[in-house]
Amino acid sequence: MSNHSLIEIPQNANPDRIAEVTRNTAETRVRVKINLDGTGQARLSTGIGFFDHMLDQIARHGMIDLDIEADGDLHIDGHHTVEDVGITLGQAFHQAVGDKKGIRRYGHAYVPLDEALSRVVIDFSGRPGLVMDVPFKSGMIGTFDSQLAHEFFQGFVNHAFVTLHIDNLKGENAHHQAETVFKAFARALRAAVERDPRAAGMIPSTKGSL
């Protein structure tokens, strides 16, 4: 056999698993680039330190490369920035998974951190839906308004077209609660978008499309 027939293609070379989306409004300017087959590398700049920390959890524990830049009206508050990052990230995921052939579709994870424990379940169903039960023990985590976690995930599901269930089962420290939520979200994402070798080229639905 001649050597020229043995060409190694990097696992992350599939352009269908990479997406870049820009969203510009009167309130924010957001750019998101993702690689679903990455190594968990992150370049993050939203102007909200704790939010960057949570996005880093998505990259690291989801094994997804994330490059996110956001310039928003933080002189008002973080609402528009956090929501628009969620929207733009959702759009990028929707592009990157493409027709969803060969992915596992479903993912779930439980993640603890000291006294806190959260469960996240996700379905790349093509139908946006969010059920979130996270009774944060504090309104602010650093400069991050804990209510904005819901706005982030709502923006994500509406534009990634996924069904997402998030439950904080235990927790007394708001930082721990948020971190378990974002880490579990990352792990569930990783499982759902992973390629299933037993279903290569197949749409994971009896309908034949998602």
N, C-alpha and C. Protein backbone atom coordinates (compact mmCIF):
# COMPACT_ATOMS: atom_id res chain seq x y z
N MET A 1 0.86 -1.19 0.00
CA MET A 1 0.00 0.00 0.00
C MET A 1 0.89 1.24 0.00
N SER A 2 0.59 2.21 -0.84
CA SER A 2 1.40 3.42 -0.91
C SER A 2 1.09 4.32 0.27
N ASN A 3 2.12 5.03 0.74
CA ASN A 3 1.96 5.89 1.91
C ASN A 3 1.03 7.06 1.68
N HIS A 4 0.93 7.52 0.39
CA HIS A 4 0.13 8.71 0.16
C HIS A 4 -1.36 8.49 0.40
N SER A 5 -1.80 7.25 0.53
CA SER A 5 -3.21 6.98 0.79
C SER A 5 -3.55 7.08 2.28
N LEU A 6 -2.50 7.12 3.11
CA LEU A 6 -2.72 7.17 4.56
C LEU A 6 -2.59 8.61 5.03
N ILE A 7 -3.67 9.35 4.95
CA ILE A 7 -3.68 10.75 5.35
C ILE A 7 -4.47 10.89 6.63
N GLU A 8 -3.82 11.35 7.67
CA GLU A 8 -4.51 11.55 8.93
C GLU A 8 -5.24 12.88 8.92
N ILE A 9 -6.52 12.85 9.25
CA ILE A 9 -7.32 14.06 9.35
C ILE A 9 -7.54 14.36 10.82
N PRO A 10 -7.13 15.54 11.31
CA PRO A 10 -7.34 15.86 12.72
C PRO A 10 -8.81 15.75 13.10
N GLN A 11 -9.06 15.30 14.32
CA GLN A 11 -10.43 15.08 14.77
C GLN A 11 -11.24 16.37 14.77
N ASN A 12 -10.56 17.51 14.97
CA ASN A 12 -11.28 18.77 15.06
C ASN A 12 -11.32 19.52 13.73
N ALA A 13 -11.03 18.80 12.61
CA ALA A 13 -10.94 19.49 11.33
C ALA A 13 -12.28 19.67 10.64
N ASN A 14 -13.33 19.03 11.14
CA ASN A 14 -14.63 19.10 10.50
C ASN A 14 -15.21 20.50 10.66
N PRO A 15 -15.37 21.25 9.55
CA PRO A 15 -15.86 22.62 9.68
C PRO A 15 -17.29 22.70 10.20
N ASP A 16 -18.03 21.59 10.10
CA ASP A 16 -19.41 21.58 10.59
C ASP A 16 -19.49 21.66 12.11
N ARG A 17 -18.36 21.45 12.77
CA ARG A 17 -18.35 21.48 14.23
C ARG A 17 -17.73 22.76 14.77
N ILE A 18 -17.50 23.72 13.90
CA ILE A 18 -16.93 25.01 14.27
C ILE A 18 -17.88 26.09 13.79
N ALA A 19 -18.09 27.10 14.60
CA ALA A 19 -18.99 28.20 14.19
C ALA A 19 -18.51 29.51 14.81
N GLU A 20 -18.78 30.59 14.09
CA GLU A 20 -18.49 31.93 14.60
C GLU A 20 -19.69 32.82 14.31
N VAL A 21 -20.17 33.50 15.33
CA VAL A 21 -21.38 34.33 15.21
C VAL A 21 -21.10 35.69 15.85
N THR A 22 -21.56 36.74 15.19
CA THR A 22 -21.46 38.09 15.73
C THR A 22 -22.86 38.66 15.87
N ARG A 23 -23.12 39.31 17.00
CA ARG A 23 -24.41 39.94 17.26
C ARG A 23 -24.16 41.37 17.73
N ASN A 24 -24.63 42.33 16.96
CA ASN A 24 -24.47 43.74 17.30
C ASN A 24 -25.84 44.39 17.47
N THR A 25 -26.05 45.02 18.61
CA THR A 25 -27.29 45.76 18.87
C THR A 25 -26.91 47.14 19.42
N ALA A 26 -27.91 47.93 19.71
CA ALA A 26 -27.66 49.24 20.32
C ALA A 26 -27.15 49.10 21.76
N GLU A 27 -27.31 47.90 22.33
CA GLU A 27 -26.93 47.68 23.73
C GLU A 27 -25.63 46.90 23.89
N THR A 28 -25.36 45.99 22.96
CA THR A 28 -24.19 45.12 23.08
C THR A 28 -23.56 44.83 21.72
N ARG A 29 -22.30 44.43 21.78
CA ARG A 29 -21.60 43.87 20.63
C ARG A 29 -20.95 42.58 21.12
N VAL A 30 -21.36 41.47 20.52
CA VAL A 30 -20.91 40.16 21.00
C VAL A 30 -20.37 39.35 19.82
N ARG A 31 -19.21 38.71 20.05
CA ARG A 31 -18.67 37.76 19.07
C ARG A 31 -18.37 36.45 19.79
N VAL A 32 -18.84 35.36 19.22
CA VAL A 32 -18.63 34.03 19.81
C VAL A 32 -18.08 33.10 18.74
N LYS A 33 -17.00 32.42 19.06
CA LYS A 33 -16.48 31.36 18.20
C LYS A 33 -16.35 30.09 19.03
N ILE A 34 -16.84 28.98 18.51
CA ILE A 34 -16.77 27.72 19.24
C ILE A 34 -16.23 26.60 18.36
N ASN A 35 -15.60 25.64 19.00
CA ASN A 35 -15.16 24.40 18.36
C ASN A 35 -15.63 23.26 19.25
N LEU A 36 -16.61 22.51 18.79
CA LEU A 36 -17.18 21.45 19.60
C LEU A 36 -16.21 20.30 19.84
N ASP A 37 -15.18 20.21 19.01
CA ASP A 37 -14.19 19.14 19.15
C ASP A 37 -12.87 19.70 19.66
N GLY A 38 -12.97 20.66 20.56
CA GLY A 38 -11.78 21.31 21.08
C GLY A 38 -11.18 20.59 22.27
N THR A 39 -10.36 21.32 23.01
CA THR A 39 -9.67 20.75 24.17
C THR A 39 -9.98 21.53 25.45
N GLY A 40 -11.01 22.37 25.40
CA GLY A 40 -11.41 23.11 26.58
C GLY A 40 -10.71 24.44 26.75
N GLN A 41 -10.13 24.95 25.68
CA GLN A 41 -9.45 26.24 25.74
C GLN A 41 -10.47 27.38 25.71
N ALA A 42 -10.17 28.46 26.42
CA ALA A 42 -11.12 29.57 26.49
C ALA A 42 -10.40 30.91 26.42
N ARG A 43 -10.98 31.80 25.65
CA ARG A 43 -10.56 33.21 25.62
C ARG A 43 -11.81 34.02 25.84
N LEU A 44 -11.93 34.66 27.01
CA LEU A 44 -13.20 35.23 27.43
C LEU A 44 -13.02 36.67 27.89
N SER A 45 -13.90 37.54 27.41
CA SER A 45 -13.85 38.93 27.83
C SER A 45 -15.26 39.52 27.73
N THR A 46 -15.99 39.47 28.86
CA THR A 46 -17.34 40.02 28.89
C THR A 46 -17.45 41.26 29.77
N GLY A 47 -16.41 41.53 30.56
CA GLY A 47 -16.46 42.65 31.49
C GLY A 47 -17.08 42.30 32.83
N ILE A 48 -17.55 41.05 32.98
CA ILE A 48 -18.14 40.58 34.24
C ILE A 48 -17.32 39.38 34.70
N GLY A 49 -16.50 39.58 35.72
CA GLY A 49 -15.54 38.57 36.12
C GLY A 49 -16.13 37.22 36.44
N PHE A 50 -17.19 37.19 37.25
CA PHE A 50 -17.77 35.90 37.62
C PHE A 50 -18.40 35.21 36.42
N PHE A 51 -18.99 35.98 35.51
CA PHE A 51 -19.58 35.40 34.30
C PHE A 51 -18.49 34.76 33.44
N ASP A 52 -17.35 35.43 33.31
CA ASP A 52 -16.22 34.83 32.59
C ASP A 52 -15.81 33.51 33.24
N HIS A 53 -15.81 33.49 34.56
CA HIS A 53 -15.45 32.28 35.30
C HIS A 53 -16.43 31.15 34.99
N MET A 54 -17.70 31.45 34.88
CA MET A 54 -18.70 30.43 34.56
C MET A 54 -18.58 29.96 33.10
N LEU A 55 -18.31 30.87 32.20
CA LEU A 55 -18.11 30.49 30.80
C LEU A 55 -16.87 29.60 30.66
N ASP A 56 -15.87 29.87 31.48
CA ASP A 56 -14.67 29.04 31.48
C ASP A 56 -15.00 27.61 31.91
N GLN A 57 -15.96 27.45 32.82
CA GLN A 57 -16.41 26.11 33.23
C GLN A 57 -17.02 25.36 32.04
N ILE A 58 -17.80 26.09 31.22
CA ILE A 58 -18.40 25.46 30.04
C ILE A 58 -17.33 24.94 29.11
N ALA A 59 -16.31 25.76 28.87
CA ALA A 59 -15.23 25.34 27.98
C ALA A 59 -14.47 24.15 28.56
N ARG A 60 -14.03 24.30 29.80
CA ARG A 60 -13.14 23.30 30.40
C ARG A 60 -13.82 21.95 30.57
N HIS A 61 -15.02 21.97 31.14
CA HIS A 61 -15.70 20.71 31.44
C HIS A 61 -16.50 20.17 30.27
N GLY A 62 -16.78 21.03 29.29
CA GLY A 62 -17.45 20.58 28.07
C GLY A 62 -16.49 20.17 26.98
N MET A 63 -15.18 20.39 27.20
CA MET A 63 -14.15 20.14 26.18
C MET A 63 -14.52 20.85 24.87
N ILE A 64 -14.96 22.10 25.03
CA ILE A 64 -15.36 22.95 23.91
C ILE A 64 -14.46 24.18 23.92
N ASP A 65 -13.83 24.49 22.80
CA ASP A 65 -13.06 25.72 22.72
C ASP A 65 -14.01 26.90 22.56
N LEU A 66 -13.84 27.90 23.42
CA LEU A 66 -14.71 29.08 23.42
C LEU A 66 -13.88 30.34 23.27
N ASP A 67 -14.27 31.18 22.34
CA ASP A 67 -13.68 32.51 22.19
C ASP A 67 -14.84 33.50 22.21
N ILE A 68 -14.98 34.23 23.30
CA ILE A 68 -16.14 35.11 23.47
C ILE A 68 -15.66 36.52 23.84
N GLU A 69 -16.11 37.48 23.07
CA GLU A 69 -15.86 38.89 23.37
C GLU A 69 -17.20 39.60 23.44
N ALA A 70 -17.42 40.36 24.49
CA ALA A 70 -18.67 41.10 24.64
C ALA A 70 -18.37 42.51 25.15
N ASP A 71 -18.97 43.47 24.49
CA ASP A 71 -18.85 44.87 24.91
C ASP A 71 -20.28 45.38 25.09
N GLY A 72 -20.72 45.46 26.34
CA GLY A 72 -22.11 45.82 26.61
C GLY A 72 -22.25 47.03 27.50
N ASP A 73 -23.49 47.41 27.73
CA ASP A 73 -23.80 48.60 28.52
C ASP A 73 -23.75 48.30 30.02
N LEU A 74 -22.56 47.95 30.49
CA LEU A 74 -22.39 47.57 31.89
C LEU A 74 -22.56 48.74 32.84
N HIS A 75 -22.55 49.96 32.31
CA HIS A 75 -22.82 51.13 33.16
C HIS A 75 -24.27 51.13 33.64
N ILE A 76 -25.14 50.36 32.93
CA ILE A 76 -26.52 50.18 33.39
C ILE A 76 -26.59 48.98 34.33
N ASP A 77 -26.33 47.81 33.78
CA ASP A 77 -26.15 46.58 34.55
C ASP A 77 -25.70 45.50 33.58
N GLY A 78 -25.63 44.26 34.07
CA GLY A 78 -25.11 43.18 33.24
C GLY A 78 -26.15 42.44 32.43
N HIS A 79 -27.43 42.86 32.53
CA HIS A 79 -28.51 42.09 31.93
C HIS A 79 -28.32 41.88 30.43
N HIS A 80 -28.15 42.96 29.68
CA HIS A 80 -28.07 42.84 28.22
C HIS A 80 -26.86 42.03 27.78
N THR A 81 -25.75 42.23 28.48
CA THR A 81 -24.52 41.50 28.12
C THR A 81 -24.69 40.01 28.33
N VAL A 82 -25.17 39.62 29.50
CA VAL A 82 -25.32 38.19 29.81
C VAL A 82 -26.35 37.54 28.89
N GLU A 83 -27.48 38.19 28.69
CA GLU A 83 -28.52 37.63 27.82
C GLU A 83 -28.02 37.49 26.38
N ASP A 84 -27.33 38.52 25.88
CA ASP A 84 -26.89 38.48 24.49
C ASP A 84 -25.75 37.49 24.25
N VAL A 85 -24.92 37.26 25.27
CA VAL A 85 -23.93 36.19 25.16
C VAL A 85 -24.64 34.84 25.07
N GLY A 86 -25.68 34.64 25.88
CA GLY A 86 -26.46 33.40 25.80
C GLY A 86 -27.08 33.21 24.43
N ILE A 87 -27.65 34.27 23.88
CA ILE A 87 -28.27 34.21 22.55
C ILE A 87 -27.23 33.84 21.50
N THR A 88 -26.10 34.54 21.52
CA THR A 88 -25.07 34.33 20.51
C THR A 88 -24.42 32.96 20.63
N LEU A 89 -24.19 32.51 21.86
CA LEU A 89 -23.65 31.17 22.08
C LEU A 89 -24.63 30.12 21.57
N GLY A 90 -25.93 30.33 21.81
CA GLY A 90 -26.93 29.41 21.30
C GLY A 90 -26.93 29.34 19.78
N GLN A 91 -26.81 30.50 19.13
CA GLN A 91 -26.75 30.53 17.67
C GLN A 91 -25.52 29.78 17.16
N ALA A 92 -24.40 29.94 17.85
CA ALA A 92 -23.18 29.26 17.44
C ALA A 92 -23.32 27.74 17.58
N PHE A 93 -23.93 27.30 18.67
CA PHE A 93 -24.16 25.85 18.85
C PHE A 93 -25.07 25.32 17.76
N HIS A 94 -26.12 26.07 17.46
CA HIS A 94 -27.05 25.63 16.42
C HIS A 94 -26.34 25.44 15.09
N GLN A 95 -25.45 26.35 14.77
CA GLN A 95 -24.69 26.24 13.52
C GLN A 95 -23.72 25.06 13.58
N ALA A 96 -23.02 24.93 14.71
CA ALA A 96 -21.96 23.93 14.81
C ALA A 96 -22.47 22.50 14.76
N VAL A 97 -23.63 22.23 15.35
CA VAL A 97 -24.14 20.84 15.32
C VAL A 97 -24.76 20.50 13.97
N GLY A 98 -25.09 21.51 13.17
CA GLY A 98 -25.60 21.26 11.83
C GLY A 98 -26.87 20.44 11.84
N ASP A 99 -26.91 19.40 11.01
CA ASP A 99 -28.12 18.58 10.90
C ASP A 99 -28.22 17.54 12.02
N LYS A 100 -27.23 17.52 12.91
CA LYS A 100 -27.21 16.66 14.11
C LYS A 100 -27.00 15.19 13.80
N LYS A 101 -26.59 14.88 12.58
CA LYS A 101 -26.30 13.49 12.26
C LYS A 101 -25.15 12.97 13.13
N GLY A 102 -25.39 11.81 13.72
CA GLY A 102 -24.33 11.13 14.45
C GLY A 102 -24.09 11.59 15.87
N ILE A 103 -24.81 12.63 16.34
CA ILE A 103 -24.60 13.05 17.74
C ILE A 103 -25.48 12.20 18.67
N ARG A 104 -25.14 12.21 19.93
CA ARG A 104 -25.92 11.42 20.90
C ARG A 104 -27.26 12.09 21.23
N ARG A 105 -27.35 13.38 21.05
CA ARG A 105 -28.55 14.18 21.23
C ARG A 105 -28.86 14.49 22.69
N TYR A 106 -28.86 13.50 23.55
CA TYR A 106 -29.20 13.70 24.96
C TYR A 106 -27.94 13.74 25.81
N GLY A 107 -27.99 14.54 26.87
CA GLY A 107 -26.91 14.54 27.83
C GLY A 107 -27.43 14.92 29.20
N HIS A 108 -26.81 14.36 30.23
CA HIS A 108 -27.18 14.74 31.59
C HIS A 108 -25.96 14.65 32.49
N ALA A 109 -25.99 15.41 33.57
CA ALA A 109 -24.87 15.38 34.51
C ALA A 109 -25.32 15.85 35.88
N TYR A 110 -24.73 15.24 36.89
CA TYR A 110 -24.83 15.71 38.28
C TYR A 110 -23.44 16.20 38.67
N VAL A 111 -23.36 17.38 39.24
CA VAL A 111 -22.07 17.90 39.69
C VAL A 111 -22.19 18.45 41.10
N PRO A 112 -21.31 18.01 42.01
CA PRO A 112 -21.28 18.55 43.38
C PRO A 112 -20.15 19.56 43.54
N LEU A 113 -20.29 20.44 44.48
CA LEU A 113 -19.20 21.29 44.95
C LEU A 113 -19.48 21.58 46.41
N ASP A 114 -18.72 20.93 47.28
CA ASP A 114 -18.93 21.03 48.73
C ASP A 114 -20.40 20.71 49.05
N GLU A 115 -21.14 21.67 49.60
CA GLU A 115 -22.52 21.40 50.02
C GLU A 115 -23.53 21.47 48.87
N ALA A 116 -23.10 21.97 47.71
CA ALA A 116 -24.02 22.20 46.59
C ALA A 116 -24.02 21.01 45.62
N LEU A 117 -25.17 20.78 45.02
CA LEU A 117 -25.32 19.70 44.04
C LEU A 117 -26.36 20.14 43.01
N SER A 118 -26.00 20.03 41.73
CA SER A 118 -26.92 20.40 40.65
C SER A 118 -27.01 19.31 39.60
N ARG A 119 -28.18 19.27 38.97
CA ARG A 119 -28.45 18.30 37.88
C ARG A 119 -28.88 19.08 36.65
N VAL A 120 -28.29 18.75 35.50
CA VAL A 120 -28.68 19.36 34.24
C VAL A 120 -28.93 18.26 33.21
N VAL A 121 -30.05 18.38 32.50
CA VAL A 121 -30.41 17.44 31.46
C VAL A 121 -30.72 18.24 30.20
N ILE A 122 -30.16 17.82 29.05
CA ILE A 122 -30.33 18.56 27.81
C ILE A 122 -30.71 17.63 26.67
N ASP A 123 -31.53 18.14 25.78
CA ASP A 123 -31.96 17.41 24.59
C ASP A 123 -31.86 18.36 23.40
N PHE A 124 -31.03 18.01 22.42
CA PHE A 124 -30.94 18.79 21.18
C PHE A 124 -32.13 18.42 20.30
N SER A 125 -33.28 18.81 20.77
CA SER A 125 -34.56 18.36 20.22
C SER A 125 -35.04 19.17 19.03
N GLY A 126 -34.48 20.36 18.86
CA GLY A 126 -35.02 21.28 17.85
C GLY A 126 -36.16 22.12 18.40
N ARG A 127 -36.51 21.90 19.68
CA ARG A 127 -37.60 22.65 20.32
C ARG A 127 -37.05 23.37 21.54
N PRO A 128 -37.08 24.70 21.55
CA PRO A 128 -36.55 25.44 22.70
C PRO A 128 -37.46 25.32 23.92
N GLY A 129 -36.85 25.01 25.05
CA GLY A 129 -37.62 24.95 26.29
C GLY A 129 -36.68 24.95 27.47
N LEU A 130 -37.00 25.74 28.48
CA LEU A 130 -36.18 25.83 29.69
C LEU A 130 -37.04 25.64 30.92
N VAL A 131 -36.63 24.71 31.77
CA VAL A 131 -37.21 24.55 33.11
C VAL A 131 -36.04 24.68 34.08
N MET A 132 -36.06 25.70 34.90
CA MET A 132 -34.91 25.98 35.77
C MET A 132 -35.38 26.25 37.19
N ASP A 133 -34.86 25.47 38.11
CA ASP A 133 -35.20 25.63 39.53
C ASP A 133 -33.91 25.76 40.32
N VAL A 134 -33.47 26.99 40.49
CA VAL A 134 -32.23 27.27 41.20
C VAL A 134 -32.50 28.38 42.22
N PRO A 135 -32.78 28.03 43.48
CA PRO A 135 -33.06 29.03 44.51
C PRO A 135 -31.77 29.62 45.07
N PHE A 136 -31.21 30.59 44.35
CA PHE A 136 -29.94 31.18 44.78
C PHE A 136 -30.07 31.79 46.17
N LYS A 137 -29.05 31.56 46.99
CA LYS A 137 -29.05 32.05 48.36
C LYS A 137 -28.60 33.50 48.47
N SER A 138 -28.12 34.05 47.37
CA SER A 138 -27.67 35.44 47.36
C SER A 138 -28.04 36.07 46.03
N GLY A 139 -28.39 37.35 46.05
CA GLY A 139 -28.74 38.06 44.83
C GLY A 139 -27.55 38.40 43.97
N MET A 140 -26.40 38.63 44.60
CA MET A 140 -25.20 38.99 43.87
C MET A 140 -24.08 38.01 44.17
N ILE A 141 -23.33 37.65 43.12
CA ILE A 141 -22.13 36.83 43.26
C ILE A 141 -21.01 37.66 42.64
N GLY A 142 -20.23 38.32 43.46
CA GLY A 142 -19.32 39.34 42.95
C GLY A 142 -20.14 40.46 42.33
N THR A 143 -19.87 40.77 41.06
CA THR A 143 -20.65 41.78 40.34
C THR A 143 -21.70 41.14 39.44
N PHE A 144 -21.92 39.84 39.61
CA PHE A 144 -22.87 39.11 38.78
C PHE A 144 -24.20 38.95 39.53
N ASP A 145 -25.27 39.45 38.92
CA ASP A 145 -26.61 39.29 39.48
C ASP A 145 -27.07 37.86 39.22
N SER A 146 -27.32 37.11 40.28
CA SER A 146 -27.65 35.68 40.12
C SER A 146 -28.91 35.46 39.29
N GLN A 147 -29.81 36.44 39.22
CA GLN A 147 -31.00 36.30 38.38
C GLN A 147 -30.65 36.19 36.90
N LEU A 148 -29.47 36.68 36.53
CA LEU A 148 -29.08 36.68 35.12
C LEU A 148 -28.69 35.29 34.62
N ALA A 149 -28.47 34.36 35.53
CA ALA A 149 -28.21 32.98 35.09
C ALA A 149 -29.39 32.47 34.26
N HIS A 150 -30.60 32.77 34.72
CA HIS A 150 -31.79 32.36 33.98
C HIS A 150 -31.83 33.04 32.61
N GLU A 151 -31.47 34.32 32.55
CA GLU A 151 -31.50 35.04 31.27
C GLU A 151 -30.49 34.44 30.29
N PHE A 152 -29.32 34.05 30.80
CA PHE A 152 -28.32 33.41 29.95
C PHE A 152 -28.84 32.11 29.35
N PHE A 153 -29.39 31.24 30.21
CA PHE A 153 -29.85 29.94 29.73
C PHE A 153 -31.09 30.09 28.84
N GLN A 154 -31.95 31.06 29.14
CA GLN A 154 -33.11 31.29 28.29
C GLN A 154 -32.68 31.72 26.89
N GLY A 155 -31.73 32.65 26.83
CA GLY A 155 -31.20 33.06 25.54
C GLY A 155 -30.57 31.90 24.79
N PHE A 156 -29.84 31.05 25.52
CA PHE A 156 -29.19 29.91 24.88
C PHE A 156 -30.21 28.95 24.28
N VAL A 157 -31.20 28.52 25.07
CA VAL A 157 -32.13 27.51 24.57
C VAL A 157 -32.98 28.04 23.41
N ASN A 158 -33.32 29.32 23.45
CA ASN A 158 -34.15 29.89 22.39
C ASN A 158 -33.46 29.87 21.04
N HIS A 159 -32.11 29.91 21.05
CA HIS A 159 -31.38 30.02 19.80
C HIS A 159 -30.56 28.77 19.46
N ALA A 160 -30.32 27.91 20.44
CA ALA A 160 -29.72 26.61 20.16
C ALA A 160 -30.79 25.58 19.83
N PHE A 161 -32.06 25.91 20.11
CA PHE A 161 -33.21 25.03 19.88
C PHE A 161 -33.02 23.71 20.64
N VAL A 162 -32.82 23.85 21.95
CA VAL A 162 -32.66 22.69 22.81
C VAL A 162 -33.68 22.76 23.94
N THR A 163 -33.97 21.61 24.53
CA THR A 163 -34.74 21.53 25.76
C THR A 163 -33.76 21.35 26.90
N LEU A 164 -33.90 22.17 27.94
CA LEU A 164 -32.92 22.19 29.02
C LEU A 164 -33.62 22.21 30.37
N HIS A 165 -33.27 21.26 31.22
CA HIS A 165 -33.77 21.20 32.60
C HIS A 165 -32.60 21.40 33.54
N ILE A 166 -32.72 22.38 34.42
CA ILE A 166 -31.66 22.70 35.38
C ILE A 166 -32.25 22.70 36.78
N ASP A 167 -31.69 21.89 37.67
CA ASP A 167 -32.15 21.83 39.05
C ASP A 167 -30.97 21.88 40.00
N ASN A 168 -30.98 22.87 40.89
CA ASN A 168 -30.03 22.88 41.99
C ASN A 168 -30.68 22.11 43.14
N LEU A 169 -30.14 20.94 43.44
CA LEU A 169 -30.76 20.04 44.40
C LEU A 169 -30.41 20.40 45.84
N LYS A 170 -29.20 20.93 46.03
CA LYS A 170 -28.76 21.34 47.36
C LYS A 170 -27.80 22.51 47.20
N GLY A 171 -27.73 23.36 48.21
CA GLY A 171 -26.75 24.44 48.16
C GLY A 171 -27.07 25.56 49.12
N GLU A 172 -26.04 26.05 49.80
CA GLU A 172 -26.19 27.16 50.74
C GLU A 172 -25.35 28.36 50.32
N ASN A 173 -24.39 28.14 49.43
CA ASN A 173 -23.51 29.20 48.98
C ASN A 173 -23.80 29.48 47.51
N ALA A 174 -24.15 30.72 47.17
CA ALA A 174 -24.58 31.05 45.82
C ALA A 174 -23.48 30.79 44.79
N HIS A 175 -22.24 31.06 45.15
CA HIS A 175 -21.12 30.77 44.24
C HIS A 175 -21.08 29.28 43.92
N HIS A 176 -21.20 28.45 44.94
CA HIS A 176 -21.19 27.00 44.74
C HIS A 176 -22.40 26.56 43.91
N GLN A 177 -23.56 27.13 44.20
CA GLN A 177 -24.75 26.78 43.42
C GLN A 177 -24.54 27.06 41.93
N ALA A 178 -24.07 28.26 41.63
CA ALA A 178 -23.87 28.64 40.23
C ALA A 178 -22.81 27.77 39.57
N GLU A 179 -21.73 27.51 40.28
CA GLU A 179 -20.65 26.74 39.68
C GLU A 179 -21.09 25.31 39.38
N THR A 180 -21.87 24.70 40.28
CA THR A 180 -22.35 23.35 39.99
C THR A 180 -23.30 23.35 38.80
N VAL A 181 -24.12 24.39 38.66
CA VAL A 181 -25.03 24.50 37.52
C VAL A 181 -24.25 24.59 36.22
N PHE A 182 -23.27 25.47 36.14
CA PHE A 182 -22.53 25.66 34.90
C PHE A 182 -21.65 24.46 34.57
N LYS A 183 -21.07 23.84 35.58
CA LYS A 183 -20.27 22.64 35.33
C LYS A 183 -21.14 21.48 34.84
N ALA A 184 -22.31 21.31 35.45
CA ALA A 184 -23.22 20.25 35.02
C ALA A 184 -23.73 20.53 33.62
N PHE A 185 -24.01 21.79 33.31
CA PHE A 185 -24.41 22.19 31.96
C PHE A 185 -23.32 21.81 30.96
N ALA A 186 -22.07 22.08 31.30
CA ALA A 186 -20.95 21.76 30.42
C ALA A 186 -20.86 20.26 30.17
N ARG A 187 -20.97 19.48 31.22
CA ARG A 187 -20.88 18.02 31.10
C ARG A 187 -22.04 17.46 30.28
N ALA A 188 -23.22 18.01 30.49
CA ALA A 188 -24.38 17.55 29.71
C ALA A 188 -24.21 17.91 28.24
N LEU A 189 -23.73 19.11 27.96
CA LEU A 189 -23.46 19.52 26.58
C LEU A 189 -22.47 18.57 25.92
N ARG A 190 -21.40 18.29 26.64
CA ARG A 190 -20.35 17.41 26.10
C ARG A 190 -20.91 16.05 25.71
N ALA A 191 -21.76 15.50 26.56
CA ALA A 191 -22.36 14.20 26.27
C ALA A 191 -23.30 14.27 25.08
N ALA A 192 -24.09 15.35 25.00
CA ALA A 192 -25.11 15.45 23.96
C ALA A 192 -24.54 15.65 22.57
N VAL A 193 -23.47 16.43 22.45
CA VAL A 193 -22.92 16.71 21.11
C VAL A 193 -21.84 15.72 20.71
N GLU A 194 -21.51 14.80 21.61
CA GLU A 194 -20.49 13.80 21.29
C GLU A 194 -20.95 12.92 20.13
N ARG A 195 -20.04 12.58 19.27
CA ARG A 195 -20.35 11.68 18.16
C ARG A 195 -20.53 10.26 18.68
N ASP A 196 -21.59 9.61 18.24
CA ASP A 196 -21.89 8.24 18.63
C ASP A 196 -21.39 7.31 17.52
N PRO A 197 -20.33 6.52 17.76
CA PRO A 197 -19.78 5.67 16.70
C PRO A 197 -20.77 4.62 16.20
N ARG A 198 -21.77 4.28 17.00
CA ARG A 198 -22.76 3.29 16.58
C ARG A 198 -23.87 3.89 15.73
N ALA A 199 -23.88 5.23 15.65
CA ALA A 199 -24.96 5.90 14.90
C ALA A 199 -24.40 6.93 13.92
N ALA A 200 -23.23 6.61 13.35
CA ALA A 200 -22.58 7.55 12.44
C ALA A 200 -23.49 7.85 11.25
N GLY A 201 -23.68 9.14 10.98
CA GLY A 201 -24.48 9.55 9.83
C GLY A 201 -25.98 9.45 10.04
N MET A 202 -26.41 9.07 11.23
CA MET A 202 -27.83 8.89 11.50
C MET A 202 -28.39 10.06 12.30
N ILE A 203 -29.62 10.45 11.98
CA ILE A 203 -30.32 11.46 12.78
C ILE A 203 -30.90 10.75 14.01
N PRO A 204 -30.60 11.24 15.22
CA PRO A 204 -31.08 10.55 16.43
C PRO A 204 -32.54 10.85 16.74
N SER A 205 -33.41 10.47 15.79
CA SER A 205 -34.85 10.68 15.99
C SER A 205 -35.61 9.77 15.04
N THR A 206 -36.75 9.24 15.49
CA THR A 206 -37.60 8.43 14.62
C THR A 206 -38.25 9.27 13.53
N LYS A 207 -38.27 10.61 13.72
CA LYS A 207 -38.85 11.48 12.70
C LYS A 207 -37.96 11.62 11.47
N GLY A 208 -36.65 11.37 11.67
CA GLY A 208 -35.71 11.54 10.56
C GLY A 208 -35.14 12.94 10.46
N SER A 209 -35.56 13.83 11.36
CA SER A 209 -34.99 15.17 11.39
C SER A 209 -35.20 15.77 12.77
N LEU A 210 -34.34 16.73 13.09
CA LEU A 210 -34.44 17.42 14.39
C LEU A 210 -34.29 18.92 14.14
